[in-house]
PDB file of N, CA and C in Angstrom:
ATOM      1  N   MET A   1       0.862  -1.090   0.095  1.00  0.00           N
ATOM      2  CA  MET A   1       0.162  -0.289   0.159  1.00  0.00           C
ATOM      3  C   MET A   1       1.142   1.388  -0.272  1.00  0.00           C
ATOM      4  N   GLY A   2       1.872   1.037   0.690  1.00  0.00           N
ATOM      5  CA  GLY A   2       3.197   2.751   0.479  1.00  0.00           C
ATOM      6  C   GLY A   2       3.323   2.896  -0.997  1.00  0.00           C
ATOM      7  N   ARG A   3       3.981   2.384  -1.854  1.00  0.00           N
ATOM      8  CA  ARG A   3       3.702   2.265  -2.870  1.00  0.00           C
ATOM      9  C   ARG A   3       2.626   3.438  -3.910  1.00  0.00           C
ATOM     10  N   LEU A   4       1.709   2.341  -3.505  1.00  0.00           N
ATOM     11  CA  LEU A   4       0.285   3.155  -4.018  1.00  0.00           C
ATOM     12  C   LEU A   4       0.101   4.498  -3.503  1.00  0.00           C
ATOM     13  N   ARG A   5      -0.351   4.409  -1.845  1.00  0.00           N
ATOM     14  CA  ARG A   5      -0.020   5.781  -1.460  1.00  0.00           C
ATOM     15  C   ARG A   5       0.792   6.785  -2.421  1.00  0.00           C
ATOM     16  N   TRP A   6       2.191   6.374  -2.298  1.00  0.00           N
ATOM     17  CA  TRP A   6       2.970   7.443  -3.020  1.00  0.00           C
ATOM     18  C   TRP A   6       1.975   8.139  -3.892  1.00  0.00           C
ATOM     19  N   GLN A   7       1.833   7.478  -5.077  1.00  0.00           N
ATOM     20  CA  GLN A   7       1.556   7.587  -6.249  1.00  0.00           C
ATOM     21  C   GLN A   7       0.230   8.723  -6.077  1.00  0.00           C
ATOM     22  N   VAL A   8      -0.731   7.971  -5.745  1.00  0.00           N
ATOM     23  CA  VAL A   8      -1.502   8.648  -5.346  1.00  0.00           C
ATOM     24  C   VAL A   8      -1.383  10.307  -4.589  1.00  0.00           C
ATOM     25  N   ASP A   9      -0.181  10.321  -3.712  1.00  0.00           N
ATOM     26  CA  ASP A   9       0.166  11.492  -2.874  1.00  0.00           C
ATOM     27  C   ASP A   9       0.354  12.716  -4.457  1.00  0.00           C
ATOM     28  N   ARG A  10       1.695  11.915  -5.588  1.00  0.00           N
ATOM     29  CA  ARG A  10       1.852  12.903  -6.225  1.00  0.00           C
ATOM     30  C   ARG A  10       0.819  13.377  -7.729  1.00  0.00           C
ATOM     31  N   VAL A  11       0.116  12.175  -7.542  1.00  0.00           N
ATOM     32  CA  VAL A  11      -0.660  13.158  -8.385  1.00  0.00           C
ATOM     33  C   VAL A  11      -1.542  13.836  -7.769  1.00  0.00           C
ATOM     34  N   ASN A  12      -2.481  14.225  -6.639  1.00  0.00           N
ATOM     35  CA  ASN A  12      -2.499  15.288  -5.688  1.00  0.00           C
ATOM     36  C   ASN A  12      -2.057  16.396  -5.689  1.00  0.00           C
ATOM     37  N   ARG A  13      -0.710  16.279  -5.696  1.00  0.00           N
ATOM     38  CA  ARG A  13       0.070  17.745  -5.722  1.00  0.00           C
ATOM     39  C   ARG A  13       0.395  18.548  -7.005  1.00  0.00           C
ATOM     40  N   ARG A  14      -0.490  17.933  -8.005  1.00  0.00           N
ATOM     41  CA  ARG A  14      -0.463  18.223  -9.324  1.00  0.00           C
ATOM     42  C   ARG A  14      -1.636  19.436  -8.939  1.00  0.00           C
ATOM     43  N   GLY A  15      -2.304  19.433  -8.205  1.00  0.00           N
ATOM     44  CA  GLY A  15      -3.554  20.677  -7.987  1.00  0.00           C
ATOM     45  C   GLY A  15      -4.922  20.026  -7.979  1.00  0.00           C
ATOM     46  N   PRO A  16      -5.894  19.902  -7.985  1.00  0.00           N
ATOM     47  CA  PRO A  16      -7.284  19.693  -7.737  1.00  0.00           C
ATOM     48  C   PRO A  16      -7.531  19.227  -9.016  1.00  0.00           C
ATOM     49  N   SER A  17      -8.276  18.409  -9.265  1.00  0.00           N
ATOM     50  CA  SER A  17      -8.689  18.092 -11.163  1.00  0.00           C
ATOM     51  C   SER A  17     -10.260  17.657 -10.623  1.00  0.00           C
ATOM     52  N   ILE A  18     -11.256  17.605 -12.084  1.00  0.00           N
ATOM     53  CA  ILE A  18     -12.088  17.871 -12.741  1.00  0.00           C
ATOM     54  C   ILE A  18     -12.124  16.068 -12.967  1.00  0.00           C
ATOM     55  N   GLY A  19     -13.301  15.702 -11.762  1.00  0.00           N
ATOM     56  CA  GLY A  19     -13.476  14.222 -12.323  1.00  0.00           C
ATOM     57  C   GLY A  19     -14.407  13.908 -13.628  1.00  0.00           C
ATOM     58  N   LEU A  20     -13.622  13.079 -14.428  1.00  0.00           N
ATOM     59  CA  LEU A  20     -15.083  13.063 -15.258  1.00  0.00           C
ATOM     60  C   LEU A  20     -14.894  11.362 -15.217  1.00  0.00           C
ATOM     61  N   VAL A  21     -16.711  11.094 -15.592  1.00  0.00           N
ATOM     62  CA  VAL A  21     -17.155  10.034 -14.114  1.00  0.00           C
ATOM     63  C   VAL A  21     -18.338   9.128 -16.390  1.00  0.00           C
ATOM     64  N   MET A  22     -17.615   7.848 -16.829  1.00  0.00           N
ATOM     65  CA  MET A  22     -18.357   7.963 -18.076  1.00  0.00           C
ATOM     66  C   MET A  22     -18.714   6.345 -17.853  1.00  0.00           C
ATOM     67  N   SER A  23     -20.126   5.656 -18.241  1.00  0.00           N
ATOM     68  CA  SER A  23     -20.480   4.833 -18.488  1.00  0.00           C
ATOM     69  C   SER A  23     -20.556   3.688 -19.266  1.00  0.00           C
ATOM     70  N   TYR A  24     -20.078   3.816 -20.420  1.00  0.00           N
ATOM     71  CA  TYR A  24     -19.696   3.297 -21.727  1.00  0.00           C
ATOM     72  C   TYR A  24     -18.034   3.584 -22.289  1.00  0.00           C
ATOM     73  N   VAL A  25     -17.509   2.156 -22.727  1.00  0.00           N
ATOM     74  CA  VAL A  25     -16.258   2.216 -23.692  1.00  0.00           C
ATOM     75  C   VAL A  25     -16.691   3.070 -24.707  1.00  0.00           C
ATOM     76  N   THR A  26     -18.189   3.449 -25.357  1.00  0.00           N
ATOM     77  CA  THR A  26     -17.522   4.632 -26.368  1.00  0.00           C
ATOM     78  C   THR A  26     -16.701   5.265 -25.707  1.00  0.00           C
ATOM     79  N   GLU A  27     -17.833   6.435 -24.677  1.00  0.00           N
ATOM     80  CA  GLU A  27     -17.551   7.628 -24.855  1.00  0.00           C
ATOM     81  C   GLU A  27     -15.514   8.115 -24.239  1.00  0.00           C
ATOM     82  N   ASN A  28     -15.332   6.236 -23.759  1.00  0.00           N
ATOM     83  CA  ASN A  28     -13.987   6.734 -23.300  1.00  0.00           C
ATOM     84  C   ASN A  28     -12.976   6.469 -24.943  1.00  0.00           C
ATOM     85  N   THR A  29     -13.469   5.650 -25.910  1.00  0.00           N
ATOM     86  CA  THR A  29     -12.734   6.359 -27.152  1.00  0.00           C
ATOM     87  C   THR A  29     -12.940   7.217 -28.111  1.00  0.00           C
ATOM     88  N   VAL A  30     -13.877   7.509 -28.179  1.00  0.00           N
ATOM     89  CA  VAL A  30     -14.493   9.213 -28.658  1.00  0.00           C
ATOM     90  C   VAL A  30     -13.137  10.387 -27.660  1.00  0.00           C
ATOM     91  N   LEU A  31     -13.439  10.266 -26.419  1.00  0.00           N
ATOM     92  CA  LEU A  31     -12.416  11.123 -25.955  1.00  0.00           C
ATOM     93  C   LEU A  31     -11.453  11.040 -26.203  1.00  0.00           C
ATOM     94  N   GLN A  32     -10.849   9.318 -26.221  1.00  0.00           N
ATOM     95  CA  GLN A  32      -9.100   9.724 -26.127  1.00  0.00           C
ATOM     96  C   GLN A  32      -8.919   9.696 -27.695  1.00  0.00           C
ATOM     97  N   ALA A  33     -10.210  10.100 -28.565  1.00  0.00           N
ATOM     98  CA  ALA A  33     -10.042   9.539 -30.336  1.00  0.00           C
ATOM     99  C   ALA A  33      -9.392  11.379 -30.749  1.00  0.00           C
ATOM    100  N   SER A  34     -10.096  12.358 -30.223  1.00  0.00           N
ATOM    101  CA  SER A  34     -10.818  13.568 -29.574  1.00  0.00           C
ATOM    102  C   SER A  34      -9.093  14.593 -29.790  1.00  0.00           C
ATOM    103  N   GLY A  35      -8.551  13.453 -28.665  1.00  0.00           N
ATOM    104  CA  GLY A  35      -7.094  14.211 -28.924  1.00  0.00           C
ATOM    105  C   GLY A  35      -6.885  15.798 -27.833  1.00  0.00           C
ATOM    106  N   TYR A  36      -8.293  15.864 -27.057  1.00  0.00           N
ATOM    107  CA  TYR A  36      -8.194  16.943 -26.177  1.00  0.00           C
ATOM    108  C   TYR A  36      -7.581  16.496 -25.306  1.00  0.00           C
ATOM    109  N   PHE A  37      -8.169  14.845 -24.534  1.00  0.00           N
ATOM    110  CA  PHE A  37      -6.905  14.341 -23.215  1.00  0.00           C
ATOM    111  C   PHE A  37      -5.796  14.215 -23.896  1.00  0.00           C
ATOM    112  N   ARG A  38      -5.275  14.725 -22.763  1.00  0.00           N
ATOM    113  CA  ARG A  38      -3.100  14.480 -22.646  1.00  0.00           C
ATOM    114  C   ARG A  38      -2.984  14.192 -21.691  1.00  0.00           C
ATOM    115  N   PRO A  39      -2.147  12.646 -21.792  1.00  0.00           N
ATOM    116  CA  PRO A  39      -2.558  12.026 -20.177  1.00  0.00           C
ATOM    117  C   PRO A  39      -0.808  12.547 -19.898  1.00  0.00           C
ATOM    118  N   TRP A  40      -1.275  12.338 -18.392  1.00  0.00           N
ATOM    119  CA  TRP A  40       0.177  12.796 -17.723  1.00  0.00           C
ATOM    120  C   TRP A  40       1.629  11.938 -17.935  1.00  0.00           C
ATOM    121  N   LEU A  41       2.446  12.357 -18.576  1.00  0.00           N
ATOM    122  CA  LEU A  41       3.342  11.215 -18.766  1.00  0.00           C
ATOM    123  C   LEU A  41       4.035  10.681 -17.411  1.00  0.00           C
ATOM    124  N   VAL A  42       4.256  11.021 -16.207  1.00  0.00           N
ATOM    125  CA  VAL A  42       4.503  11.246 -14.841  1.00  0.00           C
ATOM    126  C   VAL A  42       3.802  10.117 -14.565  1.00  0.00           C
ATOM    127  N   GLN A  43       2.735   9.667 -14.434  1.00  0.00           N
ATOM    128  CA  GLN A  43       1.823   8.770 -13.677  1.00  0.00           C
ATOM    129  C   GLN A  43       0.066   9.149 -14.931  1.00  0.00           C
ATOM    130  N   PRO A  44       0.125   8.537 -15.694  1.00  0.00           N
ATOM    131  CA  PRO A  44      -0.567   8.060 -16.785  1.00  0.00           C
ATOM    132  C   PRO A  44      -2.135   7.709 -16.832  1.00  0.00           C
ATOM    133  N   PHE A  45      -2.141   6.640 -15.361  1.00  0.00           N
ATOM    134  CA  PHE A  45      -3.312   5.869 -14.459  1.00  0.00           C
ATOM    135  C   PHE A  45      -2.438   5.297 -13.445  1.00  0.00           C
ATOM    136  N   LEU A  46      -4.200   5.157 -12.472  1.00  0.00           N
ATOM    137  CA  LEU A  46      -3.463   4.407 -11.548  1.00  0.00           C
ATOM    138  C   LEU A  46      -5.355   3.731 -11.759  1.00  0.00           C
ATOM    139  N   ASP A  47      -4.577   2.265 -10.883  1.00  0.00           N
ATOM    140  CA  ASP A  47      -5.613   0.923 -10.401  1.00  0.00           C
ATOM    141  C   ASP A  47      -6.478   1.191  -9.448  1.00  0.00           C
ATOM    142  N   LEU A  48      -7.421   1.886  -9.275  1.00  0.00           N
ATOM    143  CA  LEU A  48      -8.114   1.598  -8.080  1.00  0.00           C
ATOM    144  C   LEU A  48      -8.782   1.211  -7.849  1.00  0.00           C
ATOM    145  N   TYR A  49      -9.315  -0.311  -6.675  1.00  0.00           N
ATOM    146  CA  TYR A  49     -10.111  -0.956  -6.167  1.00  0.00           C
ATOM    147  C   TYR A  49     -11.212  -1.571  -7.796  1.00  0.00           C
ATOM    148  N   GLY A  50     -10.065  -1.754  -8.482  1.00  0.00           N
ATOM    149  CA  GLY A  50     -11.026  -1.923 -10.352  1.00  0.00           C
ATOM    150  C   GLY A  50     -11.023  -0.738 -11.064  1.00  0.00           C
ATOM    151  N   PRO A  51     -12.063   0.087 -11.025  1.00  0.00           N
ATOM    152  CA  PRO A  51     -11.676   0.675 -12.311  1.00  0.00           C
ATOM    153  C   PRO A  51     -10.317   1.651 -12.161  1.00  0.00           C
ATOM    154  N   ARG A  52      -9.719   1.401 -13.403  1.00  0.00           N
ATOM    155  CA  ARG A  52      -8.731   2.311 -13.732  1.00  0.00           C
ATOM    156  C   ARG A  52      -9.271   3.845 -14.019  1.00  0.00           C
ATOM    157  N   PHE A  53      -8.158   4.367 -13.082  1.00  0.00           N
ATOM    158  CA  PHE A  53      -8.490   6.152 -13.567  1.00  0.00           C
ATOM    159  C   PHE A  53      -7.305   6.655 -14.007  1.00  0.00           C
ATOM    160  N   HIS A  54      -7.567   7.609 -15.366  1.00  0.00           N
ATOM    161  CA  HIS A  54      -7.304   7.720 -15.922  1.00  0.00           C
ATOM    162  C   HIS A  54      -6.542   9.835 -15.920  1.00  0.00           C
ATOM    163  N   ILE A  55      -5.317   9.843 -15.276  1.00  0.00           N
ATOM    164  CA  ILE A  55      -4.504  11.425 -14.901  1.00  0.00           C
ATOM    165  C   ILE A  55      -3.709  11.647 -16.098  1.00  0.00           C
ATOM    166  N   GLY A  56      -4.166  13.234 -16.343  1.00  0.00           N
ATOM    167  CA  GLY A  56      -3.912  13.849 -17.311  1.00  0.00           C
ATOM    168  C   GLY A  56      -4.887  15.042 -17.203  1.00  0.00           C
ATOM    169  N   SER A  57      -5.226  16.038 -18.530  1.00  0.00           N
ATOM    170  CA  SER A  57      -5.339  17.621 -18.932  1.00  0.00           C
ATOM    171  C   SER A  57      -6.156  17.312 -19.861  1.00  0.00           C
ATOM    172  N   ILE A  58      -6.898  17.944 -19.518  1.00  0.00           N
ATOM    173  CA  ILE A  58      -7.981  18.531 -21.093  1.00  0.00           C
ATOM    174  C   ILE A  58      -8.080  20.190 -21.318  1.00  0.00           C
ATOM    175  N   ARG A  59      -7.015  20.560 -22.321  1.00  0.00           N
ATOM    176  CA  ARG A  59      -6.846  21.646 -22.646  1.00  0.00           C
ATOM    177  C   ARG A  59      -6.262  22.848 -20.988  1.00  0.00           C
ATOM    178  N   GLY A  60      -5.326  22.430 -20.735  1.00  0.00           N
ATOM    179  CA  GLY A  60      -4.766  22.547 -19.148  1.00  0.00           C
ATOM    180  C   GLY A  60      -5.473  22.439 -18.084  1.00  0.00           C
ATOM    181  N   VAL A  61      -6.740  21.651 -18.017  1.00  0.00           N
ATOM    182  CA  VAL A  61      -7.412  21.631 -16.311  1.00  0.00           C
ATOM    183  C   VAL A  61      -6.869  20.310 -16.588  1.00  0.00           C
ATOM    184  N   ASN A  62      -6.280  20.390 -15.287  1.00  0.00           N
ATOM    185  CA  ASN A  62      -6.172  18.324 -14.359  1.00  0.00           C
ATOM    186  C   ASN A  62      -7.138  17.903 -14.650  1.00  0.00           C
ATOM    187  N   VAL A  63      -7.252  16.532 -15.259  1.00  0.00           N
ATOM    188  CA  VAL A  63      -8.773  15.589 -15.289  1.00  0.00           C
ATOM    189  C   VAL A  63      -7.921  14.531 -15.237  1.00  0.00           C
ATOM    190  N   ILE A  64      -9.463  13.378 -13.677  1.00  0.00           N
ATOM    191  CA  ILE A  64      -9.315  12.127 -13.774  1.00  0.00           C
ATOM    192  C   ILE A  64      -9.912  11.499 -14.026  1.00  0.00           C
ATOM    193  N   TYR A  65     -10.225  10.855 -14.835  1.00  0.00           N
ATOM    194  CA  TYR A  65     -11.182  10.206 -15.447  1.00  0.00           C
ATOM    195  C   TYR A  65     -11.533   8.493 -15.458  1.00  0.00           C
ATOM    196  N   ALA A  66     -12.862   8.082 -15.291  1.00  0.00           N
ATOM    197  CA  ALA A  66     -12.675   6.923 -14.974  1.00  0.00           C
ATOM    198  C   ALA A  66     -14.134   6.006 -15.617  1.00  0.00           C
ATOM    199  N   LEU A  67     -14.113   5.124 -16.118  1.00  0.00           N
ATOM    200  CA  LEU A  67     -14.708   3.981 -16.797  1.00  0.00           C
ATOM    201  C   LEU A  67     -15.924   3.581 -15.966  1.00  0.00           C
ATOM    202  N   THR A  68     -17.019   3.388 -15.111  1.00  0.00           N
ATOM    203  CA  THR A  68     -17.802   2.609 -14.569  1.00  0.00           C
ATOM    204  C   THR A  68     -18.782   1.783 -14.495  1.00  0.00           C
ATOM    205  N   GLU A  69     -18.952   1.849 -16.382  1.00  0.00           N
ATOM    206  CA  GLU A  69     -19.530   0.364 -16.854  1.00  0.00           C
ATOM    207  C   GLU A  69     -21.000   0.666 -16.834  1.00  0.00           C
ATOM    208  N   GLN A  70     -21.645  -0.206 -17.060  1.00  0.00           N
ATOM    209  CA  GLN A  70     -23.188   0.547 -17.046  1.00  0.00           C
ATOM    210  C   GLN A  70     -24.019   0.153 -15.252  1.00  0.00           C
ATOM    211  N   ARG A  71     -23.342   0.112 -14.465  1.00  0.00           N
ATOM    212  CA  ARG A  71     -23.360  -0.784 -13.248  1.00  0.00           C
ATOM    213  C   ARG A  71     -24.095   0.827 -12.166  1.00  0.00           C
ATOM    214  N   THR A  72     -25.045   1.017 -11.413  1.00  0.00           N
ATOM    215  CA  THR A  72     -25.313   1.990 -11.040  1.00  0.00           C
ATOM    216  C   THR A  72     -24.127   1.971  -9.436  1.00  0.00           C
ATOM    217  N   LEU A  73     -23.887   0.209  -9.233  1.00  0.00           N
ATOM    218  CA  LEU A  73     -23.027   0.381  -7.958  1.00  0.00           C
ATOM    219  C   LEU A  73     -22.287   1.068  -8.346  1.00  0.00           C
ATOM    220  N   ASN A  74     -21.742   0.529  -9.284  1.00  0.00           N
ATOM    221  CA  ASN A  74     -19.803   0.271  -9.779  1.00  0.00           C
ATOM    222  C   ASN A  74     -20.060   2.638 -10.166  1.00  0.00           C
ATOM    223  N   ALA A  75     -20.980   3.055 -10.291  1.00  0.00           N
ATOM    224  CA  ALA A  75     -20.831   4.542 -10.665  1.00  0.00           C
ATOM    225  C   ALA A  75     -20.332   5.319  -9.131  1.00  0.00           C
ATOM    226  N   ALA A  76     -20.675   4.106  -8.414  1.00  0.00           N
ATOM    227  CA  ALA A  76     -21.255   5.085  -7.083  1.00  0.00           C
ATOM    228  C   ALA A  76     -19.980   4.828  -6.515  1.00  0.00           C
ATOM    229  N   VAL A  77     -19.590   3.638  -6.360  1.00  0.00           N
ATOM    230  CA  VAL A  77     -18.227   2.753  -6.136  1.00  0.00           C
ATOM    231  C   VAL A  77     -16.725   4.225  -6.685  1.00  0.00           C
ATOM    232  N   THR A  78     -17.081   4.651  -7.702  1.00  0.00           N
ATOM    233  CA  THR A  78     -15.917   5.226  -8.207  1.00  0.00           C
ATOM    234  C   THR A  78     -15.750   6.593  -8.350  1.00  0.00           C
ATOM    235  N   VAL A  79     -17.331   7.561  -7.776  1.00  0.00           N
ATOM    236  CA  VAL A  79     -17.044   8.668  -7.563  1.00  0.00           C
ATOM    237  C   VAL A  79     -16.660   8.724  -6.435  1.00  0.00           C
ATOM    238  N   GLN A  80     -16.917   7.969  -5.328  1.00  0.00           N
ATOM    239  CA  GLN A  80     -16.405   8.163  -3.866  1.00  0.00           C
ATOM    240  C   GLN A  80     -15.128   7.625  -3.620  1.00  0.00           C
ATOM    241  N   THR A  81     -14.683   6.530  -4.946  1.00  0.00           N
ATOM    242  CA  THR A  81     -13.112   7.168  -4.741  1.00  0.00           C
ATOM    243  C   THR A  81     -12.282   7.743  -5.937  1.00  0.00           C
ATOM    244  N   LEU A  82     -12.861   8.890  -6.126  1.00  0.00           N
ATOM    245  CA  LEU A  82     -12.366   9.717  -6.609  1.00  0.00           C
ATOM    246  C   LEU A  82     -12.921  10.811  -5.635  1.00  0.00           C
ATOM    247  N   LEU A  83     -14.067  10.614  -4.592  1.00  0.00           N
ATOM    248  CA  LEU A  83     -13.660  12.125  -3.619  1.00  0.00           C
ATOM    249  C   LEU A  83     -13.060  11.840  -2.369  1.00  0.00           C
ATOM    250  N   ASP A  84     -12.994  10.788  -2.241  1.00  0.00           N
ATOM    251  CA  ASP A  84     -11.777  10.100  -1.125  1.00  0.00           C
ATOM    252  C   ASP A  84     -10.873  10.230  -1.945  1.00  0.00           C
ATOM    253  N   VAL A  85     -10.241   9.274  -2.366  1.00  0.00           N
ATOM    254  CA  VAL A  85      -8.946   9.802  -2.758  1.00  0.00           C
ATOM    255  C   VAL A  85      -8.082  10.675  -3.133  1.00  0.00           C
ATOM    256  N   PHE A  86      -8.493  11.283  -4.504  1.00  0.00           N
ATOM    257  CA  PHE A  86      -8.875  11.949  -4.889  1.00  0.00           C
ATOM    258  C   PHE A  86      -8.375  13.798  -4.678  1.00  0.00           C
ATOM    259  N   SER A  87      -7.762  14.254  -4.903  1.00  0.00           N
ATOM    260  CA  SER A  87      -8.078  16.177  -4.995  1.00  0.00           C
ATOM    261  C   SER A  87      -9.198  16.601  -5.957  1.00  0.00           C
ATOM    262  N   VAL A  88     -10.293  16.420  -5.808  1.00  0.00           N
ATOM    263  CA  VAL A  88     -11.039  16.707  -7.002  1.00  0.00           C
ATOM    264  C   VAL A  88     -11.626  17.974  -6.435  1.00  0.00           C
ATOM    265  N   SER A  89     -11.891  18.838  -7.988  1.00  0.00           N
ATOM    266  CA  SER A  89     -12.642  19.998  -7.034  1.00  0.00           C
ATOM    267  C   SER A  89     -14.549  20.001  -8.241  1.00  0.00           C
ATOM    268  N   GLY A  90     -14.308  18.632  -8.707  1.00  0.00           N
ATOM    269  CA  GLY A  90     -15.935  18.776  -8.978  1.00  0.00           C
ATOM    270  C   GLY A  90     -16.089  17.373  -9.736  1.00  0.00           C
ATOM    271  N   ILE A  91     -17.251  16.527 -10.114  1.00  0.00           N
ATOM    272  CA  ILE A  91     -17.526  15.410 -10.869  1.00  0.00           C
ATOM    273  C   ILE A  91     -18.275  15.742 -11.916  1.00  0.00           C
ATOM    274  N   VAL A  92     -18.104  15.401 -13.076  1.00  0.00           N
ATOM    275  CA  VAL A  92     -19.290  15.365 -14.400  1.00  0.00           C
ATOM    276  C   VAL A  92     -19.030  13.996 -14.723  1.00  0.00           C
ATOM    277  N   HIS A  93     -20.292  13.782 -14.874  1.00  0.00           N
ATOM    278  CA  HIS A  93     -20.821  12.317 -15.706  1.00  0.00           C
ATOM    279  C   HIS A  93     -20.881  13.001 -16.864  1.00  0.00           C
ATOM    280  N   TYR A  94     -20.001  12.396 -17.773  1.00  0.00           N
ATOM    281  CA  TYR A  94     -20.244  12.469 -19.490  1.00  0.00           C
ATOM    282  C   TYR A  94     -21.167  11.348 -20.021  1.00  0.00           C
ATOM    283  N   GLY A  95     -21.996  11.003 -20.485  1.00  0.00           N
ATOM    284  CA  GLY A  95     -22.832  10.019 -21.311  1.00  0.00           C
ATOM    285  C   GLY A  95     -23.993  10.325 -21.460  1.00  0.00           C
ATOM    286  N   ALA A  96     -24.972   8.968 -21.436  1.00  0.00           N
ATOM    287  CA  ALA A  96     -26.147   9.116 -21.865  1.00  0.00           C
ATOM    288  C   ALA A  96     -26.832   9.354 -20.482  1.00  0.00           C
ATOM    289  N   ALA A  97     -27.869  10.282 -20.870  1.00  0.00           N
ATOM    290  CA  ALA A  97     -29.716  10.564 -19.843  1.00  0.00           C
ATOM    291  C   ALA A  97     -30.544   9.682 -20.138  1.00  0.00           C
ATOM    292  N   GLY A  98     -30.207   8.076 -19.906  1.00  0.00           N
ATOM    293  CA  GLY A  98     -31.531   7.078 -20.504  1.00  0.00           C
ATOM    294  C   GLY A  98     -32.452   7.748 -19.114  1.00  0.00           C
ATOM    295  N   SER A  99     -32.377   7.636 -18.034  1.00  0.00           N
ATOM    296  CA  SER A  99     -33.420   7.775 -17.136  1.00  0.00           C
ATOM    297  C   SER A  99     -34.110   9.160 -17.191  1.00  0.00           C
ATOM    298  N   CYS A 100     -33.579   9.819 -18.387  1.00  0.00           N
ATOM    299  CA  CYS A 100     -34.679  11.407 -18.150  1.00  0.00           C
ATOM    300  C   CYS A 100     -35.745  11.376 -18.885  1.00  0.00           C
ATOM    301  N   ASN A 101     -36.151  12.310 -18.594  1.00  0.00           N
ATOM    302  CA  ASN A 101     -37.299  12.041 -19.456  1.00  0.00           C
ATOM    303  C   ASN A 101     -38.295  12.677 -20.911  1.00  0.00           C
ATOM    304  N   ASP A 102     -38.946  12.745 -21.794  1.00  0.00           N
ATOM    305  CA  ASP A 102     -39.233  12.751 -22.919  1.00  0.00           C
ATOM    306  C   ASP A 102     -38.582  14.372 -22.735  1.00  0.00           C
ATOM    307  N   SER A 103     -38.750  15.411 -22.431  1.00  0.00           N
ATOM    308  CA  SER A 103     -38.162  17.238 -22.868  1.00  0.00           C
ATOM    309  C   SER A 103     -36.964  17.146 -22.590  1.00  0.00           C
ATOM    310  N   VAL A 104     -35.698  15.878 -22.477  1.00  0.00           N
ATOM    311  CA  VAL A 104     -34.913  15.991 -22.988  1.00  0.00           C
ATOM    312  C   VAL A 104     -33.758  15.724 -24.137  1.00  0.00           C
ATOM    313  N   SER A 105     -33.438  16.688 -25.382  1.00  0.00           N
ATOM    314  CA  SER A 105     -33.141  15.752 -26.125  1.00  0.00           C
ATOM    315  C   SER A 105     -31.863  15.543 -26.230  1.00  0.00           C
ATOM    316  N   PHE A 106     -31.782  15.499 -27.661  1.00  0.00           N
ATOM    317  CA  PHE A 106     -29.906  14.795 -27.643  1.00  0.00           C
ATOM    318  C   PHE A 106     -29.319  15.666 -27.757  1.00  0.00           C
ATOM    319  N   GLN A 107     -27.800  15.431 -27.115  1.00  0.00           N
ATOM    320  CA  GLN A 107     -26.978  16.945 -27.129  1.00  0.00           C
ATOM    321  C   GLN A 107     -27.752  17.610 -25.871  1.00  0.00           C
ATOM    322  N   ASP A 108     -28.708  18.013 -24.978  1.00  0.00           N
ATOM    323  CA  ASP A 108     -29.118  18.866 -24.322  1.00  0.00           C
ATOM    324  C   ASP A 108     -28.244  18.503 -22.923  1.00  0.00           C
ATOM    325  N   VAL A 109     -27.793  19.877 -22.187  1.00  0.00           N
ATOM    326  CA  VAL A 109     -27.614  19.955 -21.059  1.00  0.00           C
ATOM    327  C   VAL A 109     -28.222  19.482 -20.000  1.00  0.00           C
ATOM    328  N   SER A 110     -27.866  18.746 -18.813  1.00  0.00           N
ATOM    329  CA  SER A 110     -28.952  19.085 -18.165  1.00  0.00           C
ATOM    330  C   SER A 110     -27.919  18.857 -16.349  1.00  0.00           C
ATOM    331  N   ASP A 111     -29.027  19.756 -16.002  1.00  0.00           N
ATOM    332  CA  ASP A 111     -28.312  20.590 -14.442  1.00  0.00           C
ATOM    333  C   ASP A 111     -29.834  19.743 -13.236  1.00  0.00           C
ATOM    334  N   PRO A 112     -28.988  19.149 -12.639  1.00  0.00           N
ATOM    335  CA  PRO A 112     -30.074  18.283 -11.972  1.00  0.00           C
ATOM    336  C   PRO A 112     -30.617  19.622 -10.377  1.00  0.00           C
ATOM    337  N   LYS A 113     -31.427  19.675 -10.391  1.00  0.00           N
ATOM    338  CA  LYS A 113     -31.454  20.339  -8.593  1.00  0.00           C
ATOM    339  C   LYS A 113     -31.207  19.835  -7.417  1.00  0.00           C
ATOM    340  N   LEU A 114     -31.007  18.422  -7.458  1.00  0.00           N
ATOM    341  CA  LEU A 114     -30.762  17.759  -6.054  1.00  0.00           C
ATOM    342  C   LEU A 114     -29.357  16.429  -7.138  1.00  0.00           C
ATOM    343  N   VAL A 115     -28.775  16.169  -5.681  1.00  0.00           N
ATOM    344  CA  VAL A 115     -27.990  15.397  -6.200  1.00  0.00           C
ATOM    345  C   VAL A 115     -28.047  14.561  -4.546  1.00  0.00           C
ATOM    346  N   ALA A 116     -27.781  12.817  -4.655  1.00  0.00           N
ATOM    347  CA  ALA A 116     -28.107  12.672  -3.597  1.00  0.00           C
ATOM    348  C   ALA A 116     -26.013  11.887  -3.685  1.00  0.00           C
TER     349      ALA A 116
END
């Protein structure tokens, strides 16, 4: 655990990051293909409690992202790990909003009134 703690501390010394959480492999593929995400050469990823946390930046902003698959429990564990382990200033769910109602259209951005 000592080496892992050292690696996490090294990531956190970069300063706070935005956490991105994705549900589908295709979302990860699109982000990687876009060229916007730049992996941190010193420590491009960490494997913690199952998910791989990719460490880098988008347009100069520190980013840590993980793929949760489609399970709600995986998303909850991934978000909790981001909050507990890394210096994160915010979380963005990147992907489909399958539980939204018919008033939400493709490419809409939703801002929930409540977050649990």
